[in-house]
Amino acid sequence: MQRSGRTDASSEVGLLPLRTSVRSVRVTTVASRADCEAAGALFDRVWGMSAMVPTETIIATLHAGGHASLAEVDGVVVGATWGFLASHEGRLGLHSHVTGVLSAHANAGVGLALKHHQWQWASKQGLDFVTWTFDPLVRRNAYFNLVKLGAKVSEYHEDFYGVINDGLNRGERTDRVFVMWSVGDSPAPPRGSFVATAEWAVAIPPDIEALRRTDPDVAQGWRDRQRADLRKVFDGPWRIAGYMADGSYAVVPR
């Protein structure tokens, strides 16, 4: 994608042009209509659908106090994130609804740069937390969110979004865990680590995305088994403490 569009001053939405870099990744806060269009186009490419997040929706939520950012490598947009203000138990935060990175730039620090930029923005706004969801069957996302970012699992919801027929979800049941990333008065984003011990563990397949392509029935079996385990966690006296080195969720008493 060749669009960066940061010269349309007439359509700026008044957001702080915060910048951060990880290696050669440049992340900037969305600040114009062209930026909003570039973010929407990036999401369409990643999720394989048209108008996944319409430009007007991004513009409206930013005007109301939300956040979006673009990640570039050598002037090319390769990632983006978008979220809106949220409240939890009387505290204000940011709910990050969408973060996407082109597959050619996976594992290159783009996602980390986007999330750290997001945390820095939330901190400058005086917000207390950042939340988002992810599919608990996707091991690489569990590792990224819980170990690299140090986010904490707070909720679990079965079929949270209903059926989504985009290029990534392919009609799968959309079970999701919510994670909360602390901001508050911290001087820098938190970092996580592997959990060494647990009362018991919830298994995660090594690569559910490949299984969904090659053996959908086996993939569905994983969903059923993990759903039963997560029900046991969240309906009982348990909590997910984090991610273990063997690729499973560590479960401990509340």
C-alpha atoms as a PDB file:
ATOM      1  CA  MET A   1       0.000   0.000   0.000  1.00  0.00           C
ATOM      2  CA  GLN A   2       1.479   3.355  -1.052  1.00  0.00           C
ATOM      3  CA  ARG A   3      -0.830   5.757   0.761  1.00  0.00           C
ATOM      4  CA  SER A   4       0.281   7.823   3.741  1.00  0.00           C
ATOM      5  CA  GLY A   5      -1.678  11.022   3.127  1.00  0.00           C
ATOM      6  CA  ARG A   6      -0.425  13.365   5.819  1.00  0.00           C
ATOM      7  CA  THR A   7      -0.670  16.605   3.848  1.00  0.00           C
ATOM      8  CA  ASP A   8      -4.439  17.262   3.889  1.00  0.00           C
ATOM      9  CA  ALA A   9      -4.475  19.896   6.626  1.00  0.00           C
ATOM     10  CA  SER A  10      -8.042  20.928   5.761  1.00  0.00           C
ATOM     11  CA  SER A  11      -9.434  17.613   7.030  1.00  0.00           C
ATOM     12  CA  GLU A  12      -7.406  17.158  10.209  1.00  0.00           C
ATOM     13  CA  VAL A  13      -9.312  15.794  13.193  1.00  0.00           C
ATOM     14  CA  GLY A  14      -7.152  17.432  15.847  1.00  0.00           C
ATOM     15  CA  LEU A  15      -5.170  14.487  17.195  1.00  0.00           C
ATOM     16  CA  LEU A  16      -1.675  14.694  18.619  1.00  0.00           C
ATOM     17  CA  PRO A  17       0.928  13.666  15.966  1.00  0.00           C
ATOM     18  CA  LEU A  18       2.629  11.249  18.353  1.00  0.00           C
ATOM     19  CA  ARG A  19       5.465   9.225  16.802  1.00  0.00           C
ATOM     20  CA  THR A  20       7.385   6.163  17.846  1.00  0.00           C
ATOM     21  CA  SER A  21       9.747   3.752  16.091  1.00  0.00           C
ATOM     22  CA  VAL A  22      10.763   0.104  16.449  1.00  0.00           C
ATOM     23  CA  ARG A  23      13.678  -0.589  14.110  1.00  0.00           C
ATOM     24  CA  SER A  24      12.564   0.808  10.722  1.00  0.00           C
ATOM     25  CA  VAL A  25       8.862   1.060  11.624  1.00  0.00           C
ATOM     26  CA  ARG A  26       7.398   4.563  11.807  1.00  0.00           C
ATOM     27  CA  VAL A  27       4.071   4.938  13.624  1.00  0.00           C
ATOM     28  CA  THR A  28       2.004   8.133  13.557  1.00  0.00           C
ATOM     29  CA  THR A  29      -1.382   9.092  14.925  1.00  0.00           C
ATOM     30  CA  VAL A  30      -4.035   9.400  12.224  1.00  0.00           C
ATOM     31  CA  ALA A  31      -4.575  13.130  11.660  1.00  0.00           C
ATOM     32  CA  SER A  32      -6.430  13.602   8.357  1.00  0.00           C
ATOM     33  CA  ARG A  33      -9.164  12.211   6.161  1.00  0.00           C
ATOM     34  CA  ALA A  34      -6.529  10.682   3.888  1.00  0.00           C
ATOM     35  CA  ASP A  35      -5.007   8.928   6.899  1.00  0.00           C
ATOM     36  CA  CYS A  36      -8.436   7.524   7.810  1.00  0.00           C
ATOM     37  CA  GLU A  37      -8.837   6.225   4.258  1.00  0.00           C
ATOM     38  CA  ALA A  38      -5.376   4.637   4.398  1.00  0.00           C
ATOM     39  CA  ALA A  39      -6.213   2.893   7.672  1.00  0.00           C
ATOM     40  CA  GLY A  40      -9.499   1.582   6.273  1.00  0.00           C
ATOM     41  CA  ALA A  41      -7.778   0.324   3.125  1.00  0.00           C
ATOM     42  CA  LEU A  42      -5.176  -1.495   5.225  1.00  0.00           C
ATOM     43  CA  PHE A  43      -7.881  -3.237   7.248  1.00  0.00           C
ATOM     44  CA  ASP A  44      -9.624  -4.300   4.028  1.00  0.00           C
ATOM     45  CA  ARG A  45      -6.412  -5.891   2.750  1.00  0.00           C
ATOM     46  CA  VAL A  46      -5.692  -7.734   5.988  1.00  0.00           C
ATOM     47  CA  TRP A  47      -9.234  -9.044   6.503  1.00  0.00           C
ATOM     48  CA  GLY A  48     -10.037  -9.597   2.819  1.00  0.00           C
ATOM     49  CA  MET A  49     -13.271  -7.627   2.698  1.00  0.00           C
ATOM     50  CA  SER A  50     -14.574  -4.258   1.561  1.00  0.00           C
ATOM     51  CA  ALA A  51     -15.206  -1.403   4.005  1.00  0.00           C
ATOM     52  CA  MET A  52     -14.465  -3.477   7.080  1.00  0.00           C
ATOM     53  CA  VAL A  53     -14.204  -0.207   9.004  1.00  0.00           C
ATOM     54  CA  PRO A  54     -15.769   2.570   6.896  1.00  0.00           C
ATOM     55  CA  THR A  55     -13.795   5.801   6.643  1.00  0.00           C
ATOM     56  CA  GLU A  56     -16.681   7.801   8.078  1.00  0.00           C
ATOM     57  CA  THR A  57     -16.737   5.555  11.157  1.00  0.00           C
ATOM     58  CA  ILE A  58     -13.040   6.158  11.787  1.00  0.00           C
ATOM     59  CA  ILE A  59     -13.494   9.918  11.330  1.00  0.00           C
ATOM     60  CA  ALA A  60     -16.497  10.052  13.684  1.00  0.00           C
ATOM     61  CA  THR A  61     -14.855   8.079  16.481  1.00  0.00           C
ATOM     62  CA  LEU A  62     -11.639  10.101  16.272  1.00  0.00           C
ATOM     63  CA  HIS A  63     -13.623  13.328  16.473  1.00  0.00           C
ATOM     64  CA  ALA A  64     -15.332  11.935  19.593  1.00  0.00           C
ATOM     65  CA  GLY A  65     -11.999  11.165  21.261  1.00  0.00           C
ATOM     66  CA  GLY A  66     -10.929   7.795  19.859  1.00  0.00           C
ATOM     67  CA  HIS A  67      -7.581   6.810  18.398  1.00  0.00           C
ATOM     68  CA  ALA A  68      -6.127   5.404  15.192  1.00  0.00           C
ATOM     69  CA  SER A  69      -2.578   5.100  13.935  1.00  0.00           C
ATOM     70  CA  LEU A  70      -0.645   4.037  10.856  1.00  0.00           C
ATOM     71  CA  ALA A  71       2.603   2.059  10.714  1.00  0.00           C
ATOM     72  CA  GLU A  72       4.925   2.626   7.772  1.00  0.00           C
ATOM     73  CA  VAL A  73       8.070   0.952   6.533  1.00  0.00           C
ATOM     74  CA  ASP A  74      10.012   2.947   3.936  1.00  0.00           C
ATOM     75  CA  GLY A  75       6.991   5.211   3.435  1.00  0.00           C
ATOM     76  CA  VAL A  76       4.584   2.339   2.767  1.00  0.00           C
ATOM     77  CA  VAL A  77       1.622   1.715   5.100  1.00  0.00           C
ATOM     78  CA  VAL A  78       1.986  -1.839   6.451  1.00  0.00           C
ATOM     79  CA  GLY A  79      -0.145  -1.718   9.603  1.00  0.00           C
ATOM     80  CA  ALA A  80      -2.887   0.228  11.350  1.00  0.00           C
ATOM     81  CA  THR A  81      -4.939   0.259  14.519  1.00  0.00           C
ATOM     82  CA  TRP A  82      -8.250   1.862  15.505  1.00  0.00           C
ATOM     83  CA  GLY A  83     -10.145   2.141  18.769  1.00  0.00           C
ATOM     84  CA  PHE A  84     -12.626   4.193  20.767  1.00  0.00           C
ATOM     85  CA  LEU A  85     -13.115   5.413  24.317  1.00  0.00           C
ATOM     86  CA  ALA A  86     -14.331   2.859  26.854  1.00  0.00           C
ATOM     87  CA  SER A  87     -15.320   2.790  30.522  1.00  0.00           C
ATOM     88  CA  HIS A  88     -14.820   0.102  33.149  1.00  0.00           C
ATOM     89  CA  GLU A  89     -15.840   0.360  36.792  1.00  0.00           C
ATOM     90  CA  GLY A  90     -15.822   4.140  36.666  1.00  0.00           C
ATOM     91  CA  ARG A  91     -12.478   4.406  34.882  1.00  0.00           C
ATOM     92  CA  LEU A  92     -11.867   5.638  31.337  1.00  0.00           C
ATOM     93  CA  GLY A  93      -9.726   3.836  28.808  1.00  0.00           C
ATOM     94  CA  LEU A  94      -9.341   2.976  25.139  1.00  0.00           C
ATOM     95  CA  HIS A  95     -10.856  -0.110  23.549  1.00  0.00           C
ATOM     96  CA  SER A  96      -8.690  -1.165  20.608  1.00  0.00           C
ATOM     97  CA  HIS A  97     -11.152  -2.762  18.214  1.00  0.00           C
ATOM     98  CA  VAL A  98      -8.910  -3.466  15.206  1.00  0.00           C
ATOM     99  CA  THR A  99      -5.152  -3.862  14.755  1.00  0.00           C
ATOM    100  CA  GLY A 100      -3.876  -5.234  11.456  1.00  0.00           C
ATOM    101  CA  VAL A 101      -0.473  -5.853   9.874  1.00  0.00           C
ATOM    102  CA  LEU A 102       0.189  -7.042   6.323  1.00  0.00           C
ATOM    103  CA  SER A 103       1.371 -10.661   6.333  1.00  0.00           C
ATOM    104  CA  ALA A 104       4.613  -9.759   4.541  1.00  0.00           C
ATOM    105  CA  HIS A 105       5.576  -7.706   7.605  1.00  0.00           C
ATOM    106  CA  ALA A 106       4.516 -10.160  10.306  1.00  0.00           C
ATOM    107  CA  ASN A 107       7.114 -10.797  13.038  1.00  0.00           C
ATOM    108  CA  ALA A 108       8.954  -7.600  12.097  1.00  0.00           C
ATOM    109  CA  GLY A 109       8.016  -5.496  15.114  1.00  0.00           C
ATOM    110  CA  VAL A 110       5.121  -3.684  13.419  1.00  0.00           C
ATOM    111  CA  GLY A 111       2.426  -4.923  15.789  1.00  0.00           C
ATOM    112  CA  LEU A 112       4.591  -4.146  18.814  1.00  0.00           C
ATOM    113  CA  ALA A 113       5.255  -0.625  17.545  1.00  0.00           C
ATOM    114  CA  LEU A 114       1.533  -0.033  16.973  1.00  0.00           C
ATOM    115  CA  LYS A 115       0.580  -1.237  20.449  1.00  0.00           C
ATOM    116  CA  HIS A 116       3.318   0.760  22.189  1.00  0.00           C
ATOM    117  CA  HIS A 117       2.246   3.871  20.275  1.00  0.00           C
ATOM    118  CA  GLN A 118      -1.336   3.190  21.344  1.00  0.00           C
ATOM    119  CA  TRP A 119      -0.259   2.868  24.990  1.00  0.00           C
ATOM    120  CA  GLN A 120       1.715   6.120  24.800  1.00  0.00           C
ATOM    121  CA  TRP A 121      -1.284   7.928  23.322  1.00  0.00           C
ATOM    122  CA  ALA A 122      -3.581   6.593  26.066  1.00  0.00           C
ATOM    123  CA  SER A 123      -1.064   7.687  28.701  1.00  0.00           C
ATOM    124  CA  LYS A 124      -0.899  11.218  27.290  1.00  0.00           C
ATOM    125  CA  GLN A 125      -4.707  11.400  27.378  1.00  0.00           C
ATOM    126  CA  GLY A 126      -4.725  10.452  31.065  1.00  0.00           C
ATOM    127  CA  LEU A 127      -6.528   7.154  30.417  1.00  0.00           C
ATOM    128  CA  ASP A 128      -6.263   4.209  32.790  1.00  0.00           C
ATOM    129  CA  PHE A 129      -6.193   1.207  30.449  1.00  0.00           C
ATOM    130  CA  VAL A 130      -6.314  -0.207  26.937  1.00  0.00           C
ATOM    131  CA  THR A 131      -8.522  -3.228  26.211  1.00  0.00           C
ATOM    132  CA  TRP A 132      -8.963  -5.484  23.200  1.00  0.00           C
ATOM    133  CA  THR A 133     -10.102  -8.985  22.290  1.00  0.00           C
ATOM    134  CA  PHE A 134      -8.431 -11.949  20.627  1.00  0.00           C
ATOM    135  CA  ASP A 135      -9.288 -15.508  19.666  1.00  0.00           C
ATOM    136  CA  PRO A 136      -7.983 -17.722  22.501  1.00  0.00           C
ATOM    137  CA  LEU A 137      -7.232 -20.499  19.995  1.00  0.00           C
ATOM    138  CA  VAL A 138      -4.561 -18.438  18.206  1.00  0.00           C
ATOM    139  CA  ARG A 139      -1.340 -19.262  20.050  1.00  0.00           C
ATOM    140  CA  ARG A 140       0.830 -16.577  18.466  1.00  0.00           C
ATOM    141  CA  ASN A 141      -1.644 -13.894  19.556  1.00  0.00           C
ATOM    142  CA  ALA A 142      -1.825 -15.301  23.082  1.00  0.00           C
ATOM    143  CA  TYR A 143       1.976 -15.150  23.336  1.00  0.00           C
ATOM    144  CA  PHE A 144       2.115 -11.634  21.886  1.00  0.00           C
ATOM    145  CA  ASN A 145      -0.622 -10.207  24.096  1.00  0.00           C
ATOM    146  CA  LEU A 146       0.237 -11.894  27.390  1.00  0.00           C
ATOM    147  CA  VAL A 147       4.025 -12.247  27.231  1.00  0.00           C
ATOM    148  CA  LYS A 148       5.347  -9.506  24.950  1.00  0.00           C
ATOM    149  CA  LEU A 149       2.794  -6.880  26.008  1.00  0.00           C
ATOM    150  CA  GLY A 150       1.983  -8.015  29.526  1.00  0.00           C
ATOM    151  CA  ALA A 151      -1.784  -7.617  29.119  1.00  0.00           C
ATOM    152  CA  LYS A 152      -4.066  -9.462  31.562  1.00  0.00           C
ATOM    153  CA  VAL A 153      -7.041 -11.653  30.646  1.00  0.00           C
ATOM    154  CA  SER A 154     -10.167 -10.146  32.198  1.00  0.00           C
ATOM    155  CA  GLU A 155     -13.190 -11.719  30.449  1.00  0.00           C
ATOM    156  CA  TYR A 156     -14.269 -14.542  28.147  1.00  0.00           C
ATOM    157  CA  HIS A 157     -17.269 -14.475  25.789  1.00  0.00           C
ATOM    158  CA  GLU A 158     -18.574 -17.251  23.551  1.00  0.00           C
ATOM    159  CA  ASP A 159     -19.366 -16.307  19.947  1.00  0.00           C
ATOM    160  CA  PHE A 160     -18.873 -12.656  20.894  1.00  0.00           C
ATOM    161  CA  TYR A 161     -19.245 -11.148  17.404  1.00  0.00           C
ATOM    162  CA  GLY A 162     -21.486 -13.815  15.905  1.00  0.00           C
ATOM    163  CA  VAL A 163     -20.510 -15.261  12.520  1.00  0.00           C
ATOM    164  CA  ILE A 164     -18.016 -13.130  10.574  1.00  0.00           C
ATOM    165  CA  ASN A 165     -17.409 -14.166   6.980  1.00  0.00           C
ATOM    166  CA  ASP A 166     -14.209 -12.254   6.296  1.00  0.00           C
ATOM    167  CA  GLY A 167     -10.964 -13.671   4.962  1.00  0.00           C
ATOM    168  CA  LEU A 168      -9.585 -14.439   8.428  1.00  0.00           C
ATOM    169  CA  ASN A 169     -12.576 -15.729  10.399  1.00  0.00           C
ATOM    170  CA  ARG A 170     -14.173 -17.706   7.520  1.00  0.00           C
ATOM    171  CA  GLY A 171     -17.478 -18.182   9.333  1.00  0.00           C
ATOM    172  CA  GLU A 172     -15.824 -19.525  12.506  1.00  0.00           C
ATOM    173  CA  ARG A 173     -17.443 -19.161  15.907  1.00  0.00           C
ATOM    174  CA  THR A 174     -16.026 -15.992  17.393  1.00  0.00           C
ATOM    175  CA  ASP A 175     -15.170 -16.935  20.972  1.00  0.00           C
ATOM    176  CA  ARG A 176     -13.004 -14.166  22.409  1.00  0.00           C
ATOM    177  CA  VAL A 177     -11.074 -13.280  25.522  1.00  0.00           C
ATOM    178  CA  PHE A 178     -10.834  -9.665  26.631  1.00  0.00           C
ATOM    179  CA  VAL A 179      -7.486  -8.409  27.830  1.00  0.00           C
ATOM    180  CA  MET A 180      -6.744  -5.279  29.824  1.00  0.00           C
ATOM    181  CA  TRP A 181      -3.445  -3.419  29.503  1.00  0.00           C
ATOM    182  CA  SER A 182      -2.668  -1.153  32.415  1.00  0.00           C
ATOM    183  CA  VAL A 183      -1.752   2.475  31.713  1.00  0.00           C
ATOM    184  CA  GLY A 184      -2.397   4.646  34.784  1.00  0.00           C
ATOM    185  CA  ASP A 185       0.727   6.400  36.065  1.00  0.00           C
ATOM    186  CA  SER A 186       3.213   3.900  34.623  1.00  0.00           C
ATOM    187  CA  PRO A 187       6.180   5.576  32.866  1.00  0.00           C
ATOM    188  CA  ALA A 188       6.363   2.899  30.151  1.00  0.00           C
ATOM    189  CA  PRO A 189       4.254   0.052  28.745  1.00  0.00           C
ATOM    190  CA  PRO A 190       4.279  -3.073  30.930  1.00  0.00           C
ATOM    191  CA  ARG A 191       6.081  -6.224  29.848  1.00  0.00           C
ATOM    192  CA  GLY A 192       4.981  -9.744  30.557  1.00  0.00           C
ATOM    193  CA  SER A 193       6.778 -13.037  31.092  1.00  0.00           C
ATOM    194  CA  PHE A 194       6.034 -16.738  31.011  1.00  0.00           C
ATOM    195  CA  VAL A 195       4.084 -18.082  33.975  1.00  0.00           C
ATOM    196  CA  ALA A 196       6.146 -20.821  35.604  1.00  0.00           C
ATOM    197  CA  THR A 197       3.511 -22.736  37.572  1.00  0.00           C
ATOM    198  CA  ALA A 198      -0.245 -23.243  37.482  1.00  0.00           C
ATOM    199  CA  GLU A 199      -2.968 -25.260  39.157  1.00  0.00           C
ATOM    200  CA  TRP A 200      -3.977 -26.534  35.730  1.00  0.00           C
ATOM    201  CA  ALA A 201      -3.744 -25.400  32.107  1.00  0.00           C
ATOM    202  CA  VAL A 202      -5.945 -24.670  29.098  1.00  0.00           C
ATOM    203  CA  ALA A 203      -4.396 -26.051  25.909  1.00  0.00           C
ATOM    204  CA  ILE A 204      -3.877 -24.014  22.729  1.00  0.00           C
ATOM    205  CA  PRO A 205      -3.192 -25.710  19.364  1.00  0.00           C
ATOM    206  CA  PRO A 206       0.179 -24.866  17.792  1.00  0.00           C
ATOM    207  CA  ASP A 207      -1.405 -23.366  14.638  1.00  0.00           C
ATOM    208  CA  ILE A 208      -5.199 -23.194  14.555  1.00  0.00           C
ATOM    209  CA  GLU A 209      -5.134 -21.046  11.404  1.00  0.00           C
ATOM    210  CA  ALA A 210      -3.405 -23.802   9.433  1.00  0.00           C
ATOM    211  CA  LEU A 211      -5.790 -26.397  10.901  1.00  0.00           C
ATOM    212  CA  ARG A 212      -8.801 -24.400   9.764  1.00  0.00           C
ATOM    213  CA  ARG A 213      -7.483 -24.549   6.217  1.00  0.00           C
ATOM    214  CA  THR A 214      -6.397 -28.182   6.188  1.00  0.00           C
ATOM    215  CA  ASP A 215      -8.732 -29.972   8.625  1.00  0.00           C
ATOM    216  CA  PRO A 216     -11.782 -27.891   9.643  1.00  0.00           C
ATOM    217  CA  ASP A 217     -13.313 -30.731  11.672  1.00  0.00           C
ATOM    218  CA  VAL A 218     -10.236 -31.015  13.878  1.00  0.00           C
ATOM    219  CA  ALA A 219     -10.205 -27.227  14.247  1.00  0.00           C
ATOM    220  CA  GLN A 220     -13.838 -27.263  15.378  1.00  0.00           C
ATOM    221  CA  GLY A 221     -12.973 -29.950  17.905  1.00  0.00           C
ATOM    222  CA  TRP A 222     -10.348 -27.640  19.374  1.00  0.00           C
ATOM    223  CA  ARG A 223     -12.951 -24.907  19.722  1.00  0.00           C
ATOM    224  CA  ASP A 224     -15.335 -27.255  21.536  1.00  0.00           C
ATOM    225  CA  ARG A 225     -12.694 -28.518  23.964  1.00  0.00           C
ATOM    226  CA  GLN A 226     -11.219 -25.130  24.702  1.00  0.00           C
ATOM    227  CA  ARG A 227     -14.675 -23.609  25.147  1.00  0.00           C
ATOM    228  CA  ALA A 228     -15.462 -26.245  27.785  1.00  0.00           C
ATOM    229  CA  ASP A 229     -12.187 -25.496  29.583  1.00  0.00           C
ATOM    230  CA  LEU A 230     -12.722 -21.736  29.504  1.00  0.00           C
ATOM    231  CA  ARG A 231     -16.258 -22.149  30.814  1.00  0.00           C
ATOM    232  CA  LYS A 232     -14.759 -24.062  33.734  1.00  0.00           C
ATOM    233  CA  VAL A 233     -12.332 -21.205  34.366  1.00  0.00           C
ATOM    234  CA  PHE A 234     -14.752 -18.303  34.164  1.00  0.00           C
ATOM    235  CA  ASP A 235     -17.729 -20.035  35.787  1.00  0.00           C
ATOM    236  CA  GLY A 236     -15.593 -21.313  38.646  1.00  0.00           C
ATOM    237  CA  PRO A 237     -13.125 -20.050  41.239  1.00  0.00           C
ATOM    238  CA  TRP A 238     -10.333 -19.660  38.684  1.00  0.00           C
ATOM    239  CA  ARG A 239      -8.566 -17.086  36.569  1.00  0.00           C
ATOM    240  CA  ILE A 240      -6.068 -17.134  33.717  1.00  0.00           C
ATOM    241  CA  ALA A 241      -2.768 -15.944  35.162  1.00  0.00           C
ATOM    242  CA  GLY A 242      -0.969 -15.785  31.828  1.00  0.00           C
ATOM    243  CA  TYR A 243       0.841 -17.865  29.232  1.00  0.00           C
ATOM    244  CA  MET A 244       3.189 -20.787  29.909  1.00  0.00           C
ATOM    245  CA  ALA A 245       6.317 -21.723  27.971  1.00  0.00           C
ATOM    246  CA  ASP A 246       4.648 -24.906  26.689  1.00  0.00           C
ATOM    247  CA  GLY A 247       2.053 -22.811  24.831  1.00  0.00           C
ATOM    248  CA  SER A 248      -0.910 -23.102  27.199  1.00  0.00           C
ATOM    249  CA  TYR A 249      -2.872 -20.775  29.464  1.00  0.00           C
ATOM    250  CA  ALA A 250      -1.927 -20.948  33.140  1.00  0.00           C
ATOM    251  CA  VAL A 251      -4.960 -21.314  35.416  1.00  0.00           C
ATOM    252  CA  VAL A 252      -4.754 -20.417  39.112  1.00  0.00           C
ATOM    253  CA  PRO A 253      -7.299 -19.756  41.884  1.00  0.00           C
ATOM    254  CA  ARG A 254      -8.888 -16.297  41.914  1.00  0.00           C
END
